[in-house]
Amino acid sequence: MTFSIVARCARTGQFGMAISSSSPAVAARCAHVRAGVGAVASQNVTDPALGTLLLDRLEAGLPAAQALADITTGRPYIEYRQLMVVDARGTVAIHSGRQVLGLWGEAEGRDCAAGGNLLANDTVPAAMIAAFEGTQRHLGDRLMAALEAGLAAGGEAGPVHSAGLTVADRLSWPLADLRIDWADDPIGMLRTAWEVYRPQMAAYVQRAEDPTQAPSYGVPGDD
């Protein structure tokens, strides 16, 4: 019921994830990013705690594959989980348990990993990787391109209703955290939200770090 991608930008060191699902509010449960550490997707009969546990292992210095093995070995119900992780070196690892729902798939690329379950076809993750690797500009642009490519390749077997885009940069809070929690065209709406937010991202960071140097807020009453 989900397709997603986790990725690292080799140029900036940013981490991010894009995801869509037929379930409501998918990004609230499945998307996990941490500045300077990595990105994790925890999906398919989701246990959100696994995302935090994996990021903690990465922050402790474990590489992606070892962190994933540490989390999955002997863990109850791990056969129901689908996990993807990218670490600070850009290496990736994927776990898809034997109880992952429906037609599922996974794919790895440079600084990125994609996967999904209850897919329309098994080419969706590879299409996401190709779009990510073939797109330049900001990490958020690349993640959006991957999500749209996944949908164009067939996406989920049924209609999707939620989507999310999360990017972590150098601060403790996300540079971008955009969510469409229930809609008929969540990926299209997420694209619109990203296009609106992207030109303003740097201003919001500036306001947090030094409001005296921040640009005008651009709202009524801001003289």
Protein backbone atom coordinates (compact mmCIF):
# COMPACT_ATOMS: atom_id res chain seq x y z
CA MET A 1 0.00 0.00 0.00
CA THR A 2 3.06 2.23 -0.26
CA PHE A 3 5.92 3.28 -2.52
CA SER A 4 8.80 5.44 -1.35
CA ILE A 5 12.41 6.50 -1.73
CA VAL A 6 15.12 7.45 0.77
CA ALA A 7 18.15 9.38 -0.43
CA ARG A 8 21.24 11.41 0.35
CA CYS A 9 22.52 14.39 -1.62
CA ALA A 10 26.24 13.81 -2.13
CA ARG A 11 26.80 17.50 -2.83
CA THR A 12 25.09 19.01 0.23
CA GLY A 13 24.92 16.11 2.67
CA GLN A 14 21.16 16.52 2.98
CA PHE A 15 18.93 13.51 3.60
CA GLY A 16 15.36 13.05 2.47
CA MET A 17 12.44 10.79 1.79
CA ALA A 18 9.35 10.89 -0.43
CA ILE A 19 6.42 8.53 0.00
CA SER A 20 2.84 7.90 -1.12
CA SER A 21 0.15 5.45 -0.07
CA SER A 22 -3.54 4.58 -0.20
CA SER A 23 -3.53 4.89 3.59
CA PRO A 24 -4.06 8.26 5.30
CA ALA A 25 -1.16 10.30 6.73
CA VAL A 26 1.51 7.87 5.53
CA ALA A 27 4.45 10.24 6.05
CA ALA A 28 3.57 10.68 9.73
CA ARG A 29 4.36 6.99 10.35
CA CYS A 30 6.88 5.98 7.72
CA ALA A 31 9.30 8.87 7.03
CA HIS A 32 12.36 9.29 9.26
CA VAL A 33 15.28 11.64 8.57
CA ARG A 34 18.02 13.03 10.78
CA ALA A 35 20.53 15.73 9.85
CA GLY A 36 24.05 14.41 9.38
CA VAL A 37 22.90 10.85 10.06
CA GLY A 38 20.63 9.34 7.42
CA ALA A 39 17.12 8.59 6.22
CA VAL A 40 14.91 5.58 6.89
CA ALA A 41 11.62 4.29 5.49
CA SER A 42 9.65 2.05 7.86
CA GLN A 43 6.61 0.77 5.97
CA ASN A 44 4.24 -2.15 5.31
CA VAL A 45 2.27 -3.04 8.47
CA THR A 46 4.32 -0.22 9.88
CA ASP A 47 6.21 -0.04 13.16
CA PRO A 48 7.30 3.62 13.30
CA ALA A 49 9.67 2.88 16.19
CA LEU A 50 11.97 1.03 13.80
CA GLY A 51 12.78 4.29 12.02
CA THR A 52 14.07 5.90 15.20
CA LEU A 53 15.98 2.78 16.21
CA LEU A 54 17.72 2.63 12.84
CA LEU A 55 18.67 6.32 12.94
CA ASP A 56 20.07 5.83 16.44
CA ARG A 57 22.25 2.97 15.17
CA LEU A 58 23.47 5.11 12.27
CA GLU A 59 24.25 8.00 14.62
CA ALA A 60 26.26 5.59 16.77
CA GLY A 61 28.46 4.92 13.74
CA LEU A 62 27.06 1.71 12.29
CA PRO A 63 26.89 1.54 8.47
CA ALA A 64 23.51 1.01 6.83
CA ALA A 65 23.76 -2.76 6.39
CA GLN A 66 24.98 -3.40 9.92
CA ALA A 67 22.39 -1.08 11.43
CA LEU A 68 19.65 -2.87 9.52
CA ALA A 69 20.92 -6.30 10.56
CA ASP A 70 21.10 -5.14 14.17
CA ILE A 71 17.46 -4.03 14.07
CA THR A 72 16.00 -6.94 12.15
CA THR A 73 17.81 -9.95 13.66
CA GLY A 74 15.48 -11.77 16.04
CA ARG A 75 12.93 -8.94 16.18
CA PRO A 76 9.30 -10.05 16.57
CA TYR A 77 7.08 -9.58 13.50
CA ILE A 78 9.99 -8.37 11.38
CA GLU A 79 8.67 -10.50 8.51
CA TYR A 80 5.83 -7.98 8.15
CA ARG A 81 8.12 -4.96 7.77
CA GLN A 82 9.71 -3.26 4.80
CA LEU A 83 12.68 -1.05 5.71
CA MET A 84 15.05 1.07 3.63
CA VAL A 85 18.01 3.03 4.95
CA VAL A 86 20.71 5.34 3.59
CA ASP A 87 23.63 6.41 5.77
CA ALA A 88 26.05 9.35 5.89
CA ARG A 89 28.35 7.70 3.34
CA GLY A 90 25.50 7.19 0.90
CA THR A 91 25.45 3.41 1.30
CA VAL A 92 22.03 1.78 1.44
CA ALA A 93 20.36 -1.35 2.77
CA ILE A 94 16.86 -2.82 2.37
CA HIS A 95 14.79 -5.37 4.26
CA SER A 96 11.57 -6.77 2.79
CA GLY A 97 10.07 -9.48 4.99
CA ARG A 98 8.32 -12.55 3.66
CA GLN A 99 4.94 -11.21 4.81
CA VAL A 100 5.19 -7.93 2.86
CA LEU A 101 1.80 -7.30 1.30
CA GLY A 102 0.89 -8.06 -2.30
CA LEU A 103 3.28 -7.51 -5.17
CA TRP A 104 6.33 -5.81 -3.73
CA GLY A 105 9.67 -4.61 -5.05
CA GLU A 106 12.87 -2.84 -4.13
CA ALA A 107 15.79 -1.17 -5.92
CA GLU A 108 19.09 0.48 -5.00
CA GLY A 109 20.95 3.34 -6.67
CA ARG A 110 23.67 5.89 -5.99
CA ASP A 111 22.88 7.38 -2.57
CA CYS A 112 19.29 6.10 -2.74
CA ALA A 113 16.97 3.16 -2.22
CA ALA A 114 13.34 2.69 -3.23
CA GLY A 115 10.71 0.13 -2.40
CA GLY A 116 7.02 -0.57 -2.23
CA ASN A 117 4.27 -3.04 -1.52
CA LEU A 118 0.86 -3.76 -3.03
CA LEU A 119 2.34 -2.34 -6.22
CA ALA A 120 0.71 -2.27 -9.62
CA ASN A 121 3.89 -3.84 -11.02
CA ASP A 122 7.42 -4.60 -9.89
CA THR A 123 9.06 -1.91 -12.06
CA VAL A 124 7.97 0.94 -9.78
CA PRO A 125 11.06 1.07 -7.49
CA ALA A 126 13.50 0.94 -10.43
CA ALA A 127 11.61 3.77 -12.13
CA MET A 128 11.95 5.86 -8.98
CA ILE A 129 15.69 5.24 -8.80
CA ALA A 130 16.15 6.15 -12.47
CA ALA A 131 14.24 9.41 -12.03
CA PHE A 132 16.20 10.34 -8.91
CA GLU A 133 19.54 9.66 -10.54
CA GLY A 134 18.50 11.46 -13.71
CA THR A 135 17.37 14.67 -11.99
CA GLN A 136 19.58 17.50 -10.77
CA ARG A 137 18.78 20.58 -8.64
CA HIS A 138 17.73 20.40 -4.99
CA LEU A 139 17.30 17.08 -3.20
CA GLY A 140 13.60 17.86 -2.82
CA ASP A 141 13.26 18.23 -6.59
CA ARG A 142 14.93 14.88 -7.11
CA LEU A 143 12.69 13.17 -4.55
CA MET A 144 9.57 14.65 -6.11
CA ALA A 145 10.70 13.48 -9.55
CA ALA A 146 11.18 9.98 -8.15
CA LEU A 147 7.74 9.95 -6.54
CA GLU A 148 6.08 11.13 -9.74
CA ALA A 149 8.00 8.52 -11.74
CA GLY A 150 6.79 5.82 -9.39
CA LEU A 151 3.21 6.91 -9.94
CA ALA A 152 3.72 7.06 -13.72
CA ALA A 153 5.17 3.54 -13.67
CA GLY A 154 1.97 2.25 -12.08
CA GLY A 155 2.36 3.15 -8.42
CA GLU A 156 0.18 1.27 -6.00
CA ALA A 157 -2.35 -1.24 -7.29
CA GLY A 158 -5.15 1.04 -6.10
CA PRO A 159 -5.48 4.84 -5.87
CA VAL A 160 -3.16 6.70 -3.51
CA HIS A 161 -4.56 9.18 -1.00
CA SER A 162 -1.59 10.54 0.98
CA ALA A 163 1.97 11.62 0.29
CA GLY A 164 4.90 13.30 2.00
CA LEU A 165 8.28 14.89 1.36
CA THR A 166 10.82 15.34 4.16
CA VAL A 167 14.33 16.80 3.90
CA ALA A 168 16.91 17.24 6.68
CA ASP A 169 19.84 19.62 6.27
CA ARG A 170 22.28 20.77 8.98
CA LEU A 171 19.79 21.71 11.72
CA SER A 172 17.96 19.55 14.24
CA TRP A 173 14.60 20.25 12.60
CA PRO A 174 13.61 19.41 9.01
CA LEU A 175 14.39 21.84 6.23
CA ALA A 176 11.16 20.68 4.59
CA ASP A 177 8.37 18.50 5.97
CA LEU A 178 5.38 18.59 3.63
CA ARG A 179 2.41 16.26 3.92
CA ILE A 180 -0.84 15.64 2.10
CA ASP A 181 -2.73 13.39 4.51
CA TRP A 182 -5.92 12.64 2.53
CA ALA A 183 -6.75 13.67 -1.03
CA ASP A 184 -7.64 12.29 -4.45
CA ASP A 185 -4.38 13.61 -5.98
CA PRO A 186 -1.89 13.69 -3.11
CA ILE A 187 1.24 13.62 -5.27
CA GLY A 188 0.01 16.48 -7.44
CA MET A 189 -0.88 18.46 -4.33
CA LEU A 190 2.51 17.66 -2.81
CA ARG A 191 4.18 18.98 -5.97
CA THR A 192 2.22 22.23 -5.59
CA ALA A 193 3.15 22.52 -1.91
CA TRP A 194 6.81 21.95 -2.75
CA GLU A 195 6.80 24.56 -5.51
CA VAL A 196 5.31 27.09 -3.08
CA TYR A 197 7.61 26.23 -0.20
CA ARG A 198 10.92 25.73 -1.98
CA PRO A 199 11.61 29.47 -2.69
CA GLN A 200 10.91 30.29 0.98
CA MET A 201 12.99 27.58 2.69
CA ALA A 202 16.12 29.65 3.18
CA ALA A 203 14.11 32.52 4.66
CA TYR A 204 12.61 30.26 7.32
CA VAL A 205 16.07 29.04 8.28
CA GLN A 206 17.30 32.62 8.48
CA ARG A 207 14.39 33.62 10.71
CA ALA A 208 15.30 30.83 13.12
CA GLU A 209 19.01 31.60 13.20
CA ASP A 210 18.92 35.42 13.15
CA PRO A 211 15.56 37.20 12.81
CA THR A 212 17.30 40.59 12.53
CA GLN A 213 18.67 39.54 9.14
CA ALA A 214 15.52 37.81 7.94
CA PRO A 215 13.54 39.06 4.95
CA SER A 216 10.05 40.54 5.27
CA TYR A 217 7.40 38.07 6.30
CA GLY A 218 5.22 39.09 3.35
CA VAL A 219 1.90 38.93 5.19
CA PRO A 220 -0.77 41.58 5.84
CA GLY A 221 0.31 43.91 8.65
CA ASP A 222 4.02 43.27 8.10
CA ASP A 223 5.28 46.79 7.50
